[in-house]
Structures are given as structure tokens and as C-alpha cells.
Amino acid sequence: MKQIFLVICLILTPLTGANESTHKANYLGTHGMVLLKGSGGELIVSHLPLFHRPHDYQIIYRVEASNNQLRQLDFLSAEQDDLITLVPNKFDLMRLINKEQFNITVDVFRGHFERGGTKLFQTNITFKSPLFIRKINAFTGKDKPTSPLSKEQFKKVTINNNQELWVHLIDRQPSFDALVFNKKVERNKKPFGNHSSEKDTTACTGDGLITRINISKLLVNCFKQAPSYIEVNDFK
């Protein structure tokens, strides 16, 4: 009986290990990012998410560069041709999800690296500390949600003593990705009406068509500040 049990264990063990390896490998890939710079010179990257694996996470990380090349770049606007995007060497996104700190080589582009951006140079960065990590649980109107939709529409992330970054929470399809810098306000003041760190309001999203122009206007109206990043096409 013991011999039969051992044979069964030997057969199942490799299969179990293979399944675990496959699961872990699901987040291995090329994970493009947009680079932003805070008012105090902080370098911040935002993972460019999608609705599907291995990109179904919104992740914002503080990074450090091995030289001054990144800080010397001009951060112009949220327009596709003005962005600074990064393409790290392939890695497992679970390392960021698990809040690891590590070094990696990246290609730096002016413009979106998948939409005609120009490669500027290659450098090394260090993922230092997570600022925001969130899994995207998206569904369409025809699908039943696997978990309740969040009522939050934006999340506030503190960059420094004087600045915050507001992140649009991607959920229902169609949606959009958006990042907006804003001045930090005193705790007892509400910067945009009845707001908290979880911005539960439709004032910044509206009921119109989700287009780049419409979203940009809505964000400017809400935050009184032009967004630093907008993506609509990937979330239609």
C-alpha cells in the first residue's frame, strides 16, 4: 500500500510543480511604463496596464536612475508624442506586485514606444518603493462581475509634502487610464468639493463618450490641472 502511495506522489509532484511554474510565469513579459517627474524631482513610473494578463495591474513605483539622463529630460505634456516611456528588459510583474526593490535595464523613448516613439538611450533604474498597486477586475455590461465594482473613481497618491498624484481606477469596460498631478492641500480643506482620498464622484468622469478629448476636458474641469497621462484606446 505504501509503495502505491509513493508512486502516486512521484507522478503528481512534477505536475504540481509545472502548474505552479506556469502560474508564476503568467506575469513574465515586456512591461512598458510611462515616466513622470514630481515637483521635487522624484522619478515615478506607472505601468501601462491592460484588461488581460500579464498586464492587468495598475502599478505606480518610485524609481531611481543610475545617472542624470532621465532627470534632464523635458516632461512636456500628456500628448502621445511628448510622453517619456520606458521598456524594461523582460521581467516578472509579480516582483512589483510583491513590492520588491531591484535594478533593471530600460530603453527610454520620447513618445509611446509602441506608437512611433523614438528611442533616446538605454540606462539602468532601480525600482525603489511602491506608491500604488491595484489589480484590474474589469467586466462589460454583459458579464457578471467576479467582485463588486469599486465606487471609487480616483485614488490619491502622495508624492511629496507639496504634491499629490490622482490615479483613475480602471474597472468597467470601456474605461481609461489617467494620471493628474495636483498641489497637496491641508487636511481640513477639500480641494475639489466633497472629496476624500478616495474620490467618490462622477464630476471627473461624466456620462459622455470616452474619448481622449472629452476625458482631458473633464479632468481639467475637475482638477484645474492638465493630466500628465491619458490612455483611452487600450480600454475600449
C-alpha atoms as a PDB file:
ATOM      1  CA  MET A   1       0.000   0.000   0.000  1.00  0.00           C
ATOM      2  CA  LYS A   2       2.822   2.383   0.940  1.00  0.00           C
ATOM      3  CA  GLN A   3       4.578   1.601  -2.339  1.00  0.00           C
ATOM      4  CA  ILE A   4       1.443   2.501  -4.330  1.00  0.00           C
ATOM      5  CA  PHE A   5       1.099   5.769  -2.381  1.00  0.00           C
ATOM      6  CA  LEU A   6       4.731   6.698  -3.099  1.00  0.00           C
ATOM      7  CA  VAL A   7       4.282   6.012  -6.817  1.00  0.00           C
ATOM      8  CA  ILE A   8       1.213   8.256  -6.922  1.00  0.00           C
ATOM      9  CA  CYS A   9       3.114  11.049  -5.125  1.00  0.00           C
ATOM     10  CA  LEU A  10       6.029  10.782  -7.559  1.00  0.00           C
ATOM     11  CA  ILE A  11       3.634  11.080 -10.507  1.00  0.00           C
ATOM     12  CA  LEU A  12       1.713  14.064  -9.135  1.00  0.00           C
ATOM     13  CA  THR A  13       4.639  16.084  -7.778  1.00  0.00           C
ATOM     14  CA  PRO A  14       6.109  17.128 -11.171  1.00  0.00           C
ATOM     15  CA  LEU A  15       2.643  18.036 -12.420  1.00  0.00           C
ATOM     16  CA  THR A  16       2.007  20.244  -9.416  1.00  0.00           C
ATOM     17  CA  GLY A  17       5.374  21.919  -9.845  1.00  0.00           C
ATOM     18  CA  ALA A  18       4.677  22.533 -13.525  1.00  0.00           C
ATOM     19  CA  ASN A  19       1.333  24.150 -12.718  1.00  0.00           C
ATOM     20  CA  GLU A  20       2.972  26.447 -10.171  1.00  0.00           C
ATOM     21  CA  SER A  21       5.681  27.409 -12.652  1.00  0.00           C
ATOM     22  CA  THR A  22       3.069  28.148 -15.312  1.00  0.00           C
ATOM     23  CA  HIS A  23       1.084  30.313 -12.904  1.00  0.00           C
ATOM     24  CA  LYS A  24       4.162  32.272 -11.872  1.00  0.00           C
ATOM     25  CA  ALA A  25       5.211  32.727 -15.497  1.00  0.00           C
ATOM     26  CA  ASN A  26       1.872  34.328 -16.392  1.00  0.00           C
ATOM     27  CA  TYR A  27       3.228  37.765 -15.411  1.00  0.00           C
ATOM     28  CA  LEU A  28       6.563  37.408 -17.152  1.00  0.00           C
ATOM     29  CA  GLY A  29       6.777  39.723 -20.126  1.00  0.00           C
ATOM     30  CA  THR A  30       7.603  43.139 -21.537  1.00  0.00           C
ATOM     31  CA  HIS A  31       6.013  45.691 -19.216  1.00  0.00           C
ATOM     32  CA  GLY A  32       6.022  49.173 -20.732  1.00  0.00           C
ATOM     33  CA  MET A  33       5.828  52.185 -18.434  1.00  0.00           C
ATOM     34  CA  VAL A  34       5.319  55.919 -18.582  1.00  0.00           C
ATOM     35  CA  LEU A  35       7.821  58.068 -16.697  1.00  0.00           C
ATOM     36  CA  LEU A  36       6.729  61.107 -14.693  1.00  0.00           C
ATOM     37  CA  LYS A  37       8.663  63.610 -12.598  1.00  0.00           C
ATOM     38  CA  GLY A  38       7.379  65.077  -9.349  1.00  0.00           C
ATOM     39  CA  SER A  39       7.753  68.711  -8.324  1.00  0.00           C
ATOM     40  CA  GLY A  40      10.676  67.754  -6.085  1.00  0.00           C
ATOM     41  CA  GLY A  41      12.487  65.887  -8.859  1.00  0.00           C
ATOM     42  CA  GLU A  42      11.055  62.482  -7.900  1.00  0.00           C
ATOM     43  CA  LEU A  43      11.118  59.930 -10.703  1.00  0.00           C
ATOM     44  CA  ILE A  44       7.902  57.932 -10.879  1.00  0.00           C
ATOM     45  CA  VAL A  45       6.882  55.172 -13.259  1.00  0.00           C
ATOM     46  CA  SER A  46       3.383  53.934 -13.993  1.00  0.00           C
ATOM     47  CA  HIS A  47       2.924  50.500 -15.517  1.00  0.00           C
ATOM     48  CA  LEU A  48       0.893  50.677 -18.740  1.00  0.00           C
ATOM     49  CA  PRO A  49      -1.958  48.310 -17.867  1.00  0.00           C
ATOM     50  CA  LEU A  50      -4.429  46.334 -19.953  1.00  0.00           C
ATOM     51  CA  PHE A  51      -7.515  44.323 -19.076  1.00  0.00           C
ATOM     52  CA  HIS A  52      -5.735  40.985 -19.516  1.00  0.00           C
ATOM     53  CA  ARG A  53      -2.715  39.147 -18.153  1.00  0.00           C
ATOM     54  CA  PRO A  54       0.146  39.761 -17.785  1.00  0.00           C
ATOM     55  CA  HIS A  55      -0.713  43.460 -17.644  1.00  0.00           C
ATOM     56  CA  ASP A  56      -3.885  43.593 -15.509  1.00  0.00           C
ATOM     57  CA  TYR A  57      -2.375  45.659 -12.696  1.00  0.00           C
ATOM     58  CA  GLN A  58      -2.166  49.378 -12.095  1.00  0.00           C
ATOM     59  CA  ILE A  59       1.236  49.905 -10.501  1.00  0.00           C
ATOM     60  CA  ILE A  60       2.965  53.154  -9.646  1.00  0.00           C
ATOM     61  CA  TYR A  61       6.529  52.985  -8.313  1.00  0.00           C
ATOM     62  CA  ARG A  62       9.154  55.433  -7.203  1.00  0.00           C
ATOM     63  CA  VAL A  63      12.398  54.768  -9.060  1.00  0.00           C
ATOM     64  CA  GLU A  64      15.988  55.949  -9.028  1.00  0.00           C
ATOM     65  CA  ALA A  65      18.248  56.298 -12.052  1.00  0.00           C
ATOM     66  CA  SER A  66      21.886  55.294 -12.373  1.00  0.00           C
ATOM     67  CA  ASN A  67      22.689  58.709 -13.916  1.00  0.00           C
ATOM     68  CA  ASN A  68      21.102  62.125 -14.524  1.00  0.00           C
ATOM     69  CA  GLN A  69      19.900  61.430 -18.074  1.00  0.00           C
ATOM     70  CA  LEU A  70      16.304  60.751 -17.043  1.00  0.00           C
ATOM     71  CA  ARG A  71      16.023  63.844 -14.825  1.00  0.00           C
ATOM     72  CA  GLN A  72      17.369  66.049 -17.584  1.00  0.00           C
ATOM     73  CA  LEU A  73      14.584  65.078 -19.995  1.00  0.00           C
ATOM     74  CA  ASP A  74      11.789  67.546 -20.713  1.00  0.00           C
ATOM     75  CA  PHE A  75       8.417  66.329 -19.475  1.00  0.00           C
ATOM     76  CA  LEU A  76       6.155  68.214 -21.859  1.00  0.00           C
ATOM     77  CA  SER A  77       2.545  67.003 -21.840  1.00  0.00           C
ATOM     78  CA  ALA A  78       0.232  64.005 -21.950  1.00  0.00           C
ATOM     79  CA  GLU A  79       0.214  64.024 -25.751  1.00  0.00           C
ATOM     80  CA  GLN A  80       1.440  60.740 -27.250  1.00  0.00           C
ATOM     81  CA  ASP A  81       4.466  62.340 -28.930  1.00  0.00           C
ATOM     82  CA  ASP A  82       5.525  64.169 -25.759  1.00  0.00           C
ATOM     83  CA  LEU A  83       5.485  61.261 -23.318  1.00  0.00           C
ATOM     84  CA  ILE A  84       8.568  59.627 -21.899  1.00  0.00           C
ATOM     85  CA  THR A  85       8.025  55.866 -21.954  1.00  0.00           C
ATOM     86  CA  LEU A  86      10.270  53.067 -20.753  1.00  0.00           C
ATOM     87  CA  VAL A  87      10.656  49.494 -21.917  1.00  0.00           C
ATOM     88  CA  PRO A  88      12.437  47.413 -19.268  1.00  0.00           C
ATOM     89  CA  ASN A  89      14.080  44.097 -20.068  1.00  0.00           C
ATOM     90  CA  LYS A  90      11.593  41.265 -19.658  1.00  0.00           C
ATOM     91  CA  PHE A  91      10.739  40.595 -16.023  1.00  0.00           C
ATOM     92  CA  ASP A  92       8.013  39.099 -13.860  1.00  0.00           C
ATOM     93  CA  LEU A  93       5.493  41.762 -12.857  1.00  0.00           C
ATOM     94  CA  MET A  94       4.913  39.792  -9.649  1.00  0.00           C
ATOM     95  CA  ARG A  95       8.155  41.336  -8.401  1.00  0.00           C
ATOM     96  CA  LEU A  96       6.481  44.739  -8.345  1.00  0.00           C
ATOM     97  CA  ILE A  97       3.185  43.318  -7.125  1.00  0.00           C
ATOM     98  CA  ASN A  98       5.161  41.814  -4.223  1.00  0.00           C
ATOM     99  CA  LYS A  99       6.767  45.228  -3.590  1.00  0.00           C
ATOM    100  CA  GLU A 100      10.322  44.151  -4.359  1.00  0.00           C
ATOM    101  CA  GLN A 101      13.246  46.507  -4.853  1.00  0.00           C
ATOM    102  CA  PHE A 102      15.530  45.657  -7.773  1.00  0.00           C
ATOM    103  CA  ASN A 103      17.618  47.060 -10.650  1.00  0.00           C
ATOM    104  CA  ILE A 104      16.797  46.669 -14.329  1.00  0.00           C
ATOM    105  CA  THR A 105      17.920  47.939 -17.727  1.00  0.00           C
ATOM    106  CA  VAL A 106      15.411  50.053 -19.654  1.00  0.00           C
ATOM    107  CA  ASP A 107      15.141  51.557 -23.127  1.00  0.00           C
ATOM    108  CA  VAL A 108      13.969  55.175 -22.950  1.00  0.00           C
ATOM    109  CA  PHE A 109      11.654  56.604 -25.626  1.00  0.00           C
ATOM    110  CA  ARG A 110      10.313  60.034 -26.484  1.00  0.00           C
ATOM    111  CA  GLY A 111       6.694  59.257 -27.296  1.00  0.00           C
ATOM    112  CA  HIS A 112       4.820  55.989 -26.867  1.00  0.00           C
ATOM    113  CA  PHE A 113       7.225  53.139 -27.583  1.00  0.00           C
ATOM    114  CA  GLU A 114       4.525  51.142 -29.446  1.00  0.00           C
ATOM    115  CA  ARG A 115       3.186  54.087 -31.461  1.00  0.00           C
ATOM    116  CA  GLY A 116       6.103  55.603 -33.274  1.00  0.00           C
ATOM    117  CA  GLY A 117       8.147  56.755 -30.288  1.00  0.00           C
ATOM    118  CA  THR A 118      11.852  57.490 -30.766  1.00  0.00           C
ATOM    119  CA  LYS A 119      14.411  55.592 -28.705  1.00  0.00           C
ATOM    120  CA  LEU A 120      16.683  58.065 -26.913  1.00  0.00           C
ATOM    121  CA  PHE A 121      19.055  55.890 -24.919  1.00  0.00           C
ATOM    122  CA  GLN A 122      19.387  52.878 -22.634  1.00  0.00           C
ATOM    123  CA  THR A 123      20.008  53.167 -18.910  1.00  0.00           C
ATOM    124  CA  ASN A 124      19.525  51.393 -15.583  1.00  0.00           C
ATOM    125  CA  ILE A 125      16.887  52.175 -12.985  1.00  0.00           C
ATOM    126  CA  THR A 126      16.095  50.857  -9.533  1.00  0.00           C
ATOM    127  CA  PHE A 127      12.525  50.147  -8.522  1.00  0.00           C
ATOM    128  CA  LYS A 128      12.684  51.637  -5.037  1.00  0.00           C
ATOM    129  CA  SER A 129       9.254  51.698  -3.417  1.00  0.00           C
ATOM    130  CA  PRO A 130       5.624  51.134  -4.405  1.00  0.00           C
ATOM    131  CA  LEU A 131       3.193  54.047  -4.317  1.00  0.00           C
ATOM    132  CA  PHE A 132       0.108  52.270  -5.649  1.00  0.00           C
ATOM    133  CA  ILE A 133      -0.717  48.664  -6.597  1.00  0.00           C
ATOM    134  CA  ARG A 134      -4.147  47.538  -7.743  1.00  0.00           C
ATOM    135  CA  LYS A 135      -5.470  44.592  -9.760  1.00  0.00           C
ATOM    136  CA  ILE A 136      -7.932  45.447 -12.523  1.00  0.00           C
ATOM    137  CA  ASN A 137     -11.174  43.469 -12.256  1.00  0.00           C
ATOM    138  CA  ALA A 138     -12.933  44.646 -15.388  1.00  0.00           C
ATOM    139  CA  PHE A 139     -16.155  43.429 -16.933  1.00  0.00           C
ATOM    140  CA  THR A 140     -18.572  44.574 -19.599  1.00  0.00           C
ATOM    141  CA  GLY A 141     -22.285  45.158 -19.159  1.00  0.00           C
ATOM    142  CA  LYS A 142     -22.984  41.641 -20.494  1.00  0.00           C
ATOM    143  CA  ASP A 143     -20.772  39.930 -17.948  1.00  0.00           C
ATOM    144  CA  LYS A 144     -21.410  39.211 -14.326  1.00  0.00           C
ATOM    145  CA  PRO A 145     -18.769  40.795 -12.096  1.00  0.00           C
ATOM    146  CA  THR A 146     -16.431  38.477 -10.244  1.00  0.00           C
ATOM    147  CA  SER A 147     -16.258  41.096  -7.491  1.00  0.00           C
ATOM    148  CA  PRO A 148     -18.277  44.265  -6.780  1.00  0.00           C
ATOM    149  CA  LEU A 149     -17.218  47.327  -8.730  1.00  0.00           C
ATOM    150  CA  SER A 150     -15.422  49.879  -6.618  1.00  0.00           C
ATOM    151  CA  LYS A 151     -17.359  53.090  -6.042  1.00  0.00           C
ATOM    152  CA  GLU A 152     -14.069  54.943  -6.006  1.00  0.00           C
ATOM    153  CA  GLN A 153     -13.150  56.663  -9.224  1.00  0.00           C
ATOM    154  CA  PHE A 154      -9.815  58.185  -8.285  1.00  0.00           C
ATOM    155  CA  LYS A 155      -7.153  57.390  -5.736  1.00  0.00           C
ATOM    156  CA  LYS A 156      -4.829  59.984  -4.276  1.00  0.00           C
ATOM    157  CA  VAL A 157      -1.129  59.115  -4.016  1.00  0.00           C
ATOM    158  CA  THR A 158       1.231  61.347  -2.042  1.00  0.00           C
ATOM    159  CA  ILE A 159       4.386  62.284  -3.978  1.00  0.00           C
ATOM    160  CA  ASN A 160       5.932  64.792  -1.576  1.00  0.00           C
ATOM    161  CA  ASN A 161       4.889  67.380   1.020  1.00  0.00           C
ATOM    162  CA  ASN A 162       3.501  69.663  -1.670  1.00  0.00           C
ATOM    163  CA  GLN A 163       2.199  67.359  -4.379  1.00  0.00           C
ATOM    164  CA  GLU A 164      -0.262  64.533  -4.959  1.00  0.00           C
ATOM    165  CA  LEU A 165      -0.921  62.275  -7.923  1.00  0.00           C
ATOM    166  CA  TRP A 166      -4.545  61.336  -8.642  1.00  0.00           C
ATOM    167  CA  VAL A 167      -4.991  57.955 -10.349  1.00  0.00           C
ATOM    168  CA  HIS A 168      -8.111  56.932 -12.219  1.00  0.00           C
ATOM    169  CA  LEU A 169      -9.212  53.463 -11.120  1.00  0.00           C
ATOM    170  CA  ILE A 170      -9.812  51.271 -14.162  1.00  0.00           C
ATOM    171  CA  ASP A 171     -12.797  48.949 -13.780  1.00  0.00           C
ATOM    172  CA  ARG A 172     -15.750  48.900 -16.117  1.00  0.00           C
ATOM    173  CA  GLN A 173     -15.116  48.472 -19.827  1.00  0.00           C
ATOM    174  CA  PRO A 174     -14.903  50.857 -21.632  1.00  0.00           C
ATOM    175  CA  SER A 175     -12.636  52.833 -19.329  1.00  0.00           C
ATOM    176  CA  PHE A 176      -9.457  54.908 -19.405  1.00  0.00           C
ATOM    177  CA  ASP A 177      -6.132  55.344 -17.656  1.00  0.00           C
ATOM    178  CA  ALA A 178      -5.314  58.827 -16.357  1.00  0.00           C
ATOM    179  CA  LEU A 179      -2.780  60.440 -14.028  1.00  0.00           C
ATOM    180  CA  VAL A 180      -3.090  64.002 -12.764  1.00  0.00           C
ATOM    181  CA  PHE A 181      -0.617  65.874 -10.563  1.00  0.00           C
ATOM    182  CA  ASN A 182      -2.098  68.338  -8.091  1.00  0.00           C
ATOM    183  CA  LYS A 183      -0.918  70.530  -5.262  1.00  0.00           C
ATOM    184  CA  LYS A 184      -1.298  68.965  -1.858  1.00  0.00           C
ATOM    185  CA  VAL A 185      -3.844  70.709   0.359  1.00  0.00           C
ATOM    186  CA  GLU A 186      -4.252  70.972   4.104  1.00  0.00           C
ATOM    187  CA  ARG A 187      -6.029  68.046   5.704  1.00  0.00           C
ATOM    188  CA  ASN A 188      -9.053  70.093   6.781  1.00  0.00           C
ATOM    189  CA  LYS A 189      -9.596  71.511   3.286  1.00  0.00           C
ATOM    190  CA  LYS A 190     -11.383  69.744   0.435  1.00  0.00           C
ATOM    191  CA  PRO A 191      -9.733  70.633  -2.895  1.00  0.00           C
ATOM    192  CA  PHE A 192     -12.482  69.605  -5.298  1.00  0.00           C
ATOM    193  CA  GLY A 193     -15.708  69.944  -3.350  1.00  0.00           C
ATOM    194  CA  ASN A 194     -16.766  66.933  -1.301  1.00  0.00           C
ATOM    195  CA  HIS A 195     -13.618  64.889  -1.848  1.00  0.00           C
ATOM    196  CA  SER A 196     -11.598  62.455   0.169  1.00  0.00           C
ATOM    197  CA  SER A 197      -8.521  60.418  -0.739  1.00  0.00           C
ATOM    198  CA  GLU A 198     -10.971  58.034  -2.454  1.00  0.00           C
ATOM    199  CA  LYS A 199     -12.756  60.344  -4.830  1.00  0.00           C
ATOM    200  CA  ASP A 200     -16.363  59.119  -4.963  1.00  0.00           C
ATOM    201  CA  THR A 201     -17.918  61.435  -7.537  1.00  0.00           C
ATOM    202  CA  THR A 202     -18.959  61.495 -11.179  1.00  0.00           C
ATOM    203  CA  ALA A 203     -17.689  65.044 -11.627  1.00  0.00           C
ATOM    204  CA  CYS A 204     -14.448  63.839 -13.196  1.00  0.00           C
ATOM    205  CA  THR A 205     -15.853  61.192 -15.497  1.00  0.00           C
ATOM    206  CA  GLY A 206     -19.208  62.409 -16.735  1.00  0.00           C
ATOM    207  CA  ASP A 207     -21.637  60.482 -18.908  1.00  0.00           C
ATOM    208  CA  GLY A 208     -20.302  61.414 -22.350  1.00  0.00           C
ATOM    209  CA  LEU A 209     -18.312  59.315 -24.794  1.00  0.00           C
ATOM    210  CA  ILE A 210     -14.937  58.149 -23.532  1.00  0.00           C
ATOM    211  CA  THR A 211     -12.617  59.929 -25.921  1.00  0.00           C
ATOM    212  CA  ARG A 212      -9.232  61.473 -25.297  1.00  0.00           C
ATOM    213  CA  ILE A 213     -10.583  64.998 -25.814  1.00  0.00           C
ATOM    214  CA  ASN A 214     -13.620  64.507 -23.561  1.00  0.00           C
ATOM    215  CA  ILE A 215     -11.615  62.939 -20.740  1.00  0.00           C
ATOM    216  CA  SER A 216      -8.961  65.635 -20.902  1.00  0.00           C
ATOM    217  CA  LYS A 217     -11.590  68.374 -20.643  1.00  0.00           C
ATOM    218  CA  LEU A 218     -13.308  66.630 -17.739  1.00  0.00           C
ATOM    219  CA  LEU A 219     -10.052  66.227 -15.824  1.00  0.00           C
ATOM    220  CA  VAL A 220      -9.059  69.847 -16.344  1.00  0.00           C
ATOM    221  CA  ASN A 221     -12.512  70.899 -15.172  1.00  0.00           C
ATOM    222  CA  CYS A 222     -12.273  68.715 -12.076  1.00  0.00           C
ATOM    223  CA  PHE A 223      -8.652  69.165 -11.035  1.00  0.00           C
ATOM    224  CA  LYS A 224      -7.938  72.561 -12.613  1.00  0.00           C
ATOM    225  CA  GLN A 225      -4.817  70.916 -13.950  1.00  0.00           C
ATOM    226  CA  ALA A 226      -3.929  69.258 -17.255  1.00  0.00           C
ATOM    227  CA  PRO A 227      -3.382  65.498 -16.898  1.00  0.00           C
ATOM    228  CA  SER A 228       0.127  64.109 -17.165  1.00  0.00           C
ATOM    229  CA  TYR A 229      -1.046  60.901 -18.818  1.00  0.00           C
ATOM    230  CA  ILE A 230      -4.205  59.685 -20.583  1.00  0.00           C
ATOM    231  CA  GLU A 231      -4.868  56.387 -22.377  1.00  0.00           C
ATOM    232  CA  VAL A 232      -8.232  55.523 -23.907  1.00  0.00           C
ATOM    233  CA  ASN A 233      -7.619  53.190 -26.862  1.00  0.00           C
ATOM    234  CA  ASP A 234      -6.386  50.262 -24.741  1.00  0.00           C
ATOM    235  CA  PHE A 235      -9.590  50.202 -22.695  1.00  0.00           C
ATOM    236  CA  LYS A 236     -12.368  50.349 -25.305  1.00  0.00           C
END
